[in-house]
């Protein structure tokens, strides 16, 4: 589990703070799950990870076609 940094004023601070930890976890595991409340930067973090590790797959569990994969 990744420990979150203290509350931050910017919407991009959380994804940036977690990017390194996420990339480190992906060096040990083929996949990670990003869970959290709305508007905390999950999609931003997923896009940042994908930019560092192409080819990447991003699935949204609210999209029926993604849930079927």
C-alpha atoms as a PDB file:
ATOM      1  CA  UNK A   1       0.000   0.000   0.000  1.00  0.00           C
ATOM      2  CA  UNK A   2       1.196   3.507  -0.819  1.00  0.00           C
ATOM      3  CA  UNK A   3       0.978   6.140   1.900  1.00  0.00           C
ATOM      4  CA  UNK A   4      -0.584   9.398   0.739  1.00  0.00           C
ATOM      5  CA  UNK A   5       1.188  12.713   1.271  1.00  0.00           C
ATOM      6  CA  UNK A   6      -0.391  15.431   3.429  1.00  0.00           C
ATOM      7  CA  UNK A   7      -3.276  17.383   1.909  1.00  0.00           C
ATOM      8  CA  UNK A   8      -2.142  19.517  -0.997  1.00  0.00           C
ATOM      9  CA  UNK A   9      -3.521  22.699  -2.534  1.00  0.00           C
ATOM     10  CA  UNK A  10      -3.098  21.662  -6.183  1.00  0.00           C
ATOM     11  CA  UNK A  11      -5.094  19.046  -8.061  1.00  0.00           C
ATOM     12  CA  UNK A  12      -1.877  17.816  -9.706  1.00  0.00           C
ATOM     13  CA  UNK A  13       0.150  17.491  -6.496  1.00  0.00           C
ATOM     14  CA  UNK A  14      -1.317  14.124  -5.510  1.00  0.00           C
ATOM     15  CA  UNK A  15      -0.793  12.376  -8.873  1.00  0.00           C
ATOM     16  CA  UNK A  16       2.746  13.791  -9.114  1.00  0.00           C
ATOM     17  CA  UNK A  17       3.535  12.671  -5.574  1.00  0.00           C
ATOM     18  CA  UNK A  18       2.273   9.154  -6.276  1.00  0.00           C
ATOM     19  CA  UNK A  19       3.800   8.689  -9.734  1.00  0.00           C
ATOM     20  CA  UNK A  20       7.158   7.458  -8.447  1.00  0.00           C
ATOM     21  CA  UNK A  21       5.543   5.048  -6.011  1.00  0.00           C
ATOM     22  CA  UNK A  22       3.207   3.721  -8.704  1.00  0.00           C
ATOM     23  CA  UNK A  23       6.078   3.158 -11.138  1.00  0.00           C
ATOM     24  CA  UNK A  24       8.038   1.389  -8.403  1.00  0.00           C
ATOM     25  CA  UNK A  25       5.091  -0.920  -7.673  1.00  0.00           C
ATOM     26  CA  UNK A  26       4.792  -1.696 -11.393  1.00  0.00           C
ATOM     27  CA  UNK A  27       8.397  -2.902 -11.368  1.00  0.00           C
ATOM     28  CA  UNK A  28       7.233  -5.708  -9.031  1.00  0.00           C
ATOM     29  CA  UNK A  29       3.726  -6.335 -10.376  1.00  0.00           C
ATOM     30  CA  UNK A  30       2.201  -6.276 -13.875  1.00  0.00           C
ATOM     31  CA  UNK A  31      -0.777  -4.163 -12.757  1.00  0.00           C
ATOM     32  CA  UNK A  32      -1.936  -1.731 -10.103  1.00  0.00           C
ATOM     33  CA  UNK A  33      -5.400  -0.523  -9.122  1.00  0.00           C
ATOM     34  CA  UNK A  34      -6.137   3.147  -8.537  1.00  0.00           C
ATOM     35  CA  UNK A  35      -9.053   3.571  -6.153  1.00  0.00           C
ATOM     36  CA  UNK A  36     -10.339   6.718  -4.514  1.00  0.00           C
ATOM     37  CA  UNK A  37     -13.091   9.283  -4.349  1.00  0.00           C
ATOM     38  CA  UNK A  38     -14.048  11.474  -7.275  1.00  0.00           C
ATOM     39  CA  UNK A  39     -11.787  14.289  -8.396  1.00  0.00           C
ATOM     40  CA  UNK A  40      -8.614  13.226  -6.557  1.00  0.00           C
ATOM     41  CA  UNK A  41      -6.492  12.602  -9.666  1.00  0.00           C
ATOM     42  CA  UNK A  42      -6.880   8.892 -10.455  1.00  0.00           C
ATOM     43  CA  UNK A  43      -7.267   9.467 -14.203  1.00  0.00           C
ATOM     44  CA  UNK A  44      -4.445  12.007 -14.229  1.00  0.00           C
ATOM     45  CA  UNK A  45      -2.170   9.541 -12.445  1.00  0.00           C
ATOM     46  CA  UNK A  46      -3.159   6.733 -14.842  1.00  0.00           C
ATOM     47  CA  UNK A  47      -2.315   8.936 -17.831  1.00  0.00           C
ATOM     48  CA  UNK A  48       1.018   9.919 -16.277  1.00  0.00           C
ATOM     49  CA  UNK A  49       1.868   6.252 -15.694  1.00  0.00           C
ATOM     50  CA  UNK A  50       0.867   5.343 -19.268  1.00  0.00           C
ATOM     51  CA  UNK A  51       3.154   8.061 -20.609  1.00  0.00           C
ATOM     52  CA  UNK A  52       6.088   6.486 -18.731  1.00  0.00           C
ATOM     53  CA  UNK A  53       5.284   2.860 -19.593  1.00  0.00           C
ATOM     54  CA  UNK A  54       3.954   2.428 -23.122  1.00  0.00           C
ATOM     55  CA  UNK A  55       2.156   0.290 -24.164  1.00  0.00           C
ATOM     56  CA  UNK A  56      -0.277   0.587 -21.271  1.00  0.00           C
ATOM     57  CA  UNK A  57      -3.918  -0.335 -20.785  1.00  0.00           C
ATOM     58  CA  UNK A  58      -6.313   1.759 -18.746  1.00  0.00           C
ATOM     59  CA  UNK A  59      -9.711   0.373 -17.752  1.00  0.00           C
ATOM     60  CA  UNK A  60     -12.623   2.269 -16.207  1.00  0.00           C
ATOM     61  CA  UNK A  61     -14.862   0.041 -14.093  1.00  0.00           C
ATOM     62  CA  UNK A  62     -17.787   2.390 -14.752  1.00  0.00           C
ATOM     63  CA  UNK A  63     -17.643   1.521 -18.478  1.00  0.00           C
ATOM     64  CA  UNK A  64     -19.464  -1.785 -19.176  1.00  0.00           C
ATOM     65  CA  UNK A  65     -17.076  -2.765 -22.003  1.00  0.00           C
ATOM     66  CA  UNK A  66     -14.098  -2.307 -19.684  1.00  0.00           C
ATOM     67  CA  UNK A  67     -15.693  -4.438 -16.967  1.00  0.00           C
ATOM     68  CA  UNK A  68     -16.069  -7.275 -19.489  1.00  0.00           C
ATOM     69  CA  UNK A  69     -12.309  -7.343 -20.121  1.00  0.00           C
END
